[in-house]
Each structure stands twice: as structure tokens, then as C-alpha cells.
Protein backbone atom coordinates (compact mmCIF):
# COMPACT_ATOMS: atom_id res chain seq x y z
CA MET A 1 83.86 91.73 63.17
CA PHE A 2 85.13 93.18 66.44
CA THR A 3 83.77 94.40 69.77
CA GLY A 4 85.79 97.60 70.15
CA ILE A 5 87.36 96.26 73.35
CA ILE A 6 91.08 96.63 72.65
CA ASP A 7 93.21 93.62 73.59
CA GLY A 8 96.29 95.82 74.00
CA PHE A 9 98.73 97.81 71.91
CA SER A 10 102.00 96.92 70.27
CA ILE A 11 104.62 98.36 67.92
CA VAL A 12 105.18 98.26 64.18
CA SER A 13 108.32 96.11 63.86
CA ASN A 14 108.91 96.31 60.10
CA ILE A 15 107.50 98.40 57.27
CA ASN A 16 107.96 98.52 53.51
CA LYS A 17 106.35 101.46 51.72
CA LEU A 18 105.82 101.29 47.97
CA GLU A 19 103.70 103.40 45.64
CA ASN A 20 100.05 102.96 46.69
CA PHE A 21 100.98 99.87 48.70
CA GLN A 22 102.42 99.12 52.11
CA SER A 23 103.50 95.94 53.85
CA PHE A 24 104.13 96.07 57.57
CA SER A 25 104.46 93.82 60.58
CA VAL A 26 103.30 94.22 64.15
CA LEU A 27 105.00 92.51 67.07
CA LEU A 28 102.44 90.23 68.70
CA ASN A 29 103.27 87.92 71.55
CA GLY A 30 101.51 85.95 74.26
CA GLY A 31 97.73 85.84 73.99
CA LEU A 32 97.64 88.32 71.12
CA SER A 33 99.14 85.77 68.72
CA ARG A 34 97.69 82.55 70.13
CA ASP A 35 96.15 80.34 67.40
CA LEU A 36 96.60 83.11 64.84
CA ASN A 37 96.77 81.90 61.24
CA ILE A 38 97.41 83.41 57.83
CA GLY A 39 94.14 84.83 56.50
CA ALA A 40 92.82 85.76 59.95
CA SER A 41 91.39 89.22 60.58
CA VAL A 42 93.02 91.54 63.11
CA SER A 43 92.03 95.10 63.94
CA ILE A 44 95.02 97.44 63.65
CA ASP A 45 94.07 100.88 65.00
CA GLY A 46 90.48 100.07 64.09
CA VAL A 47 91.22 98.88 60.55
CA CYS A 48 90.28 95.30 59.70
CA MET A 49 93.47 93.78 58.27
CA THR A 50 94.22 90.28 56.97
CA VAL A 51 97.28 88.38 58.20
CA SER A 52 99.50 87.80 55.15
CA LYS A 53 102.56 86.27 56.81
CA ILE A 54 103.71 85.04 60.23
CA ASP A 55 107.39 85.15 61.10
CA GLY A 56 107.75 84.30 64.78
CA GLU A 57 106.21 87.20 66.70
CA ASP A 58 106.19 89.44 63.61
CA ILE A 59 102.70 89.37 62.08
CA TYR A 60 102.53 90.87 58.58
CA PHE A 61 99.73 92.77 56.85
CA ASP A 62 99.31 94.43 53.44
CA ALA A 63 97.55 97.78 52.95
CA MET A 64 96.31 98.92 49.52
CA LYS A 65 95.82 102.45 48.18
CA GLU A 66 92.22 102.84 49.43
CA THR A 67 93.20 101.84 52.97
CA LEU A 68 96.25 104.12 53.00
CA GLU A 69 94.20 107.11 51.84
CA ARG A 70 91.19 106.60 54.09
CA THR A 71 92.97 105.64 57.33
CA THR A 72 96.02 106.54 59.38
CA LEU A 73 97.89 103.39 58.35
CA GLY A 74 99.71 105.36 55.67
CA LEU A 75 101.32 107.41 58.46
CA LEU A 76 102.80 104.40 60.25
CA GLU A 77 106.55 104.18 60.76
CA LYS A 78 108.74 101.52 62.32
CA GLY A 79 108.24 101.84 66.07
CA SER A 80 104.72 103.31 65.83
CA ASN A 81 102.27 102.14 68.50
CA VAL A 82 98.98 100.64 67.33
CA ASN A 83 95.86 99.29 69.04
CA ILE A 84 95.24 95.56 68.57
CA GLU A 85 92.03 93.55 68.72
CA ARG A 86 91.58 89.97 67.58
CA SER A 87 88.37 89.24 65.67
CA LEU A 88 85.17 88.35 67.49
CA LYS A 89 84.56 84.68 68.19
CA TYR A 90 81.23 83.05 68.95
CA ALA A 91 80.46 82.97 72.69
CA ASN A 92 82.76 85.96 73.32
CA GLU A 93 81.38 88.66 75.57
CA ILE A 94 80.55 91.84 73.65
CA GLY A 95 81.56 94.53 76.10
CA GLY A 96 81.60 97.38 73.58
CA HIS A 97 79.57 97.48 70.36
CA ILE A 98 79.82 95.69 67.04
CA VAL A 99 82.68 97.20 65.03
CA SER A 100 83.33 96.19 61.42
CA GLY A 101 86.83 97.58 61.03
CA HIS A 102 85.73 99.50 57.93
CA VAL A 103 86.84 103.04 58.69
CA HIS A 104 84.61 105.92 57.55
CA GLY A 105 87.19 108.68 57.95
CA LYS A 106 89.82 110.29 60.12
CA ALA A 107 89.25 112.50 63.17
CA GLN A 108 91.80 114.96 64.55
CA ILE A 109 92.51 115.48 68.23
CA THR A 110 92.00 119.19 68.93
CA LYS A 111 92.17 119.29 72.73
CA ILE A 112 93.24 117.03 75.61
CA ASP A 113 92.07 117.85 79.14
CA LYS A 114 93.73 115.92 81.98
CA SER A 115 92.74 118.32 84.76
CA ASN A 116 91.15 115.45 86.70
CA GLN A 117 93.78 112.85 87.68
CA ASN A 118 91.30 109.99 87.29
CA ASN A 119 89.89 111.01 83.93
CA CYS A 120 90.95 112.32 80.57
CA VAL A 121 88.75 114.19 78.10
CA MET A 122 89.64 114.50 74.43
CA TYR A 123 88.01 116.54 71.69
CA PHE A 124 88.02 115.31 68.09
CA ARG A 125 87.25 117.22 64.90
CA VAL A 126 85.35 114.89 62.59
CA PRO A 127 84.53 115.08 58.86
CA GLU A 128 81.45 117.22 58.26
CA ARG A 129 79.67 114.43 56.39
CA LEU A 130 79.84 112.19 59.49
CA ILE A 131 78.74 114.57 62.24
CA LYS A 132 75.05 113.75 61.68
CA TYR A 133 75.68 110.16 62.79
CA LEU A 134 77.14 111.13 66.16
CA PHE A 135 74.98 111.76 69.22
CA PRO A 136 75.55 112.25 72.96
CA LYS A 137 75.57 108.80 74.66
CA GLY A 138 75.94 107.16 71.26
CA PHE A 139 78.73 104.80 70.20
CA VAL A 140 81.79 105.65 68.15
CA SER A 141 84.90 103.64 67.33
CA LEU A 142 88.16 105.61 67.49
CA ASN A 143 91.30 103.70 66.51
CA GLY A 144 89.26 100.57 67.10
CA ALA A 145 88.18 101.43 70.65
CA SER A 146 84.46 101.40 71.41
CA LEU A 147 83.75 104.71 73.12
CA THR A 148 80.74 106.69 74.27
CA VAL A 149 80.23 110.18 72.87
CA VAL A 150 79.87 112.66 75.74
CA ASP A 151 78.86 115.67 73.65
CA VAL A 152 78.61 116.80 70.03
CA ASP A 153 79.40 120.29 68.72
CA THR A 154 77.61 120.47 65.38
CA VAL A 155 78.89 123.99 64.71
CA ASN A 156 82.58 123.13 65.04
CA LYS A 157 82.04 119.55 63.83
CA SER A 158 83.63 118.01 66.89
CA ILE A 159 82.88 115.43 69.57
CA LYS A 160 83.90 115.10 73.20
CA VAL A 161 84.97 111.72 74.59
CA SER A 162 86.02 110.72 78.13
CA PHE A 163 88.66 108.08 78.86
CA ILE A 164 88.92 106.14 82.10
CA PRO A 165 92.42 105.20 83.37
CA GLU A 166 92.04 101.58 82.21
CA THR A 167 91.39 102.65 78.62
CA LEU A 168 94.39 104.99 78.67
CA ARG A 169 96.57 102.21 80.06
CA ASN A 170 95.47 99.50 77.62
CA THR A 171 95.35 101.58 74.41
CA THR A 172 97.48 104.11 72.57
CA PHE A 173 95.23 106.97 73.70
CA GLY A 174 97.43 107.44 76.74
CA LEU A 175 100.22 108.40 74.31
CA LYS A 176 98.22 110.64 71.96
CA LYS A 177 98.94 114.32 71.38
CA ILE A 178 96.99 117.28 70.00
CA ASN A 179 96.70 117.38 66.17
CA GLU A 180 97.17 113.62 65.79
CA ASP A 181 94.67 111.82 63.56
CA VAL A 182 92.75 108.71 64.56
CA ASN A 183 90.55 106.33 62.60
CA LEU A 184 86.82 106.85 63.02
CA GLU A 185 84.05 104.32 62.43
CA ILE A 186 80.46 105.34 63.07
CA ASP A 187 77.92 102.95 64.53
CA SER A 188 76.27 101.05 61.67
CA GLN A 189 72.85 100.91 63.33
CA THR A 190 72.85 104.67 63.89
CA GLN A 191 73.88 105.21 60.27
CA SER A 192 71.03 103.01 59.03
CA ILE A 193 68.46 104.83 61.12
CA VAL A 194 69.64 108.32 60.11
CA ASP A 195 69.86 107.43 56.42
CA THR A 196 66.42 105.77 56.46
CA VAL A 197 64.77 108.78 58.12
CA GLU A 198 66.46 111.20 55.71
CA ARG A 199 65.37 109.13 52.71
CA TYR A 200 61.79 108.97 54.01
CA LEU A 201 61.65 112.74 54.57
CA ASN A 202 63.10 113.46 51.12
CA GLU A 203 60.61 111.10 49.45
CA SER A 204 57.75 112.69 51.41
CA LYS A 205 58.73 116.12 50.11
CA ILE A 206 58.77 114.87 46.54
CA THR A 207 55.32 113.24 46.75
CA SER A 208 53.63 116.02 48.74
């Protein structure tokens, strides 16, 4: 599990794309690779990945068909920038919210507003099936970053998110452009509540 507090971002140093399979490495140095072992979990752009090989500062991961289809990892190229977070350890401070690294879908950046020099606002179009789990002031994970939803447009199936300068500096969001896709993970507690209420209401209709 992860906290959604990005440790930093790095680049894809090697990539090997095969049919329905992809092996790639990310350049990790300093604290990002300290005590890292094969089999450890690392969040790459919000996707929980398992370390398959360590070659100096090149840390390798394998992505299967399901991961490539559901996430943006299939779009990676050598030199791509990705957000990095090491897995949560006991006694770590949870500054964001609990993130599993199991992506629910992709969201597309539709607008970037940097009119205020100290803030940046981005708008994301999300899959219709996920919009019911997103609420103003609720949590969402975008490319692994724990963020607060500012507003939800249920008609256009989009959300508004604000970024402080520190988040832009420490993540790849400072490099993002309109029409780019990002990985989206909804808050598991919100999903459980919404699904439970829907199931209760549907069962009530059947028995009434």
C-alpha cells in the first residue's frame, strides 16, 4: 500500500515492448533506491509494480496485458517521466490517504489553468462509471498522487483539482499537457459506501 505522497519523479531508462507484455526500468538513485530489494512494491505513476531486477540504479519492472490496457504504462517510452513512491512502512506518517496502486481507469486532462502564479488548476475527464465515486473535498489518486477534488461536473463527467507549487515541483504534473492521460484510483472507502448504499436501495425496491 501507499500514501499518495510522491517521493519524487524519475525517467524510464530502458524499455522492451513485446506483445501483451512490457519490461522497463526506471532510474532510481539516492533515497529512492535505499534498501530496495527484488520483489518489493513500488508505485510507478500510481500503479503498484513489483521489482523484478536491480542493475545498479536501473530498477526493472514487468507489466502484463491487463496492466498495459488499464493504465498509462503501455504509453511509456524511454525517457518518459514517472512519479515514484516507495511502499508504506509501519510507523510512516500518512500525509495523504491510503492508496492501493490498483488503478480503476484513466482520466484525460482537458484544461490547465495557471492564471494564478502560486496555483495551478487542472480539469480531468473521467470514465462515466467512476464519476459517482468522486465528490468535492473527497480524495482521488491521480498518477499516484493523493489529491483533493475541488469540484465535480457530473454532466461532463469531469473533476477539478488544484495543485500547489510543491506538488508541481515534486511530481510530473508540472510537465503535463492538455489531452494527456493519467492513472486514476478512487478512494476505496468512498467506493464501499456508495456501493453499499446503492445495493441497499436496490434491495429495498425489490422487497417493497
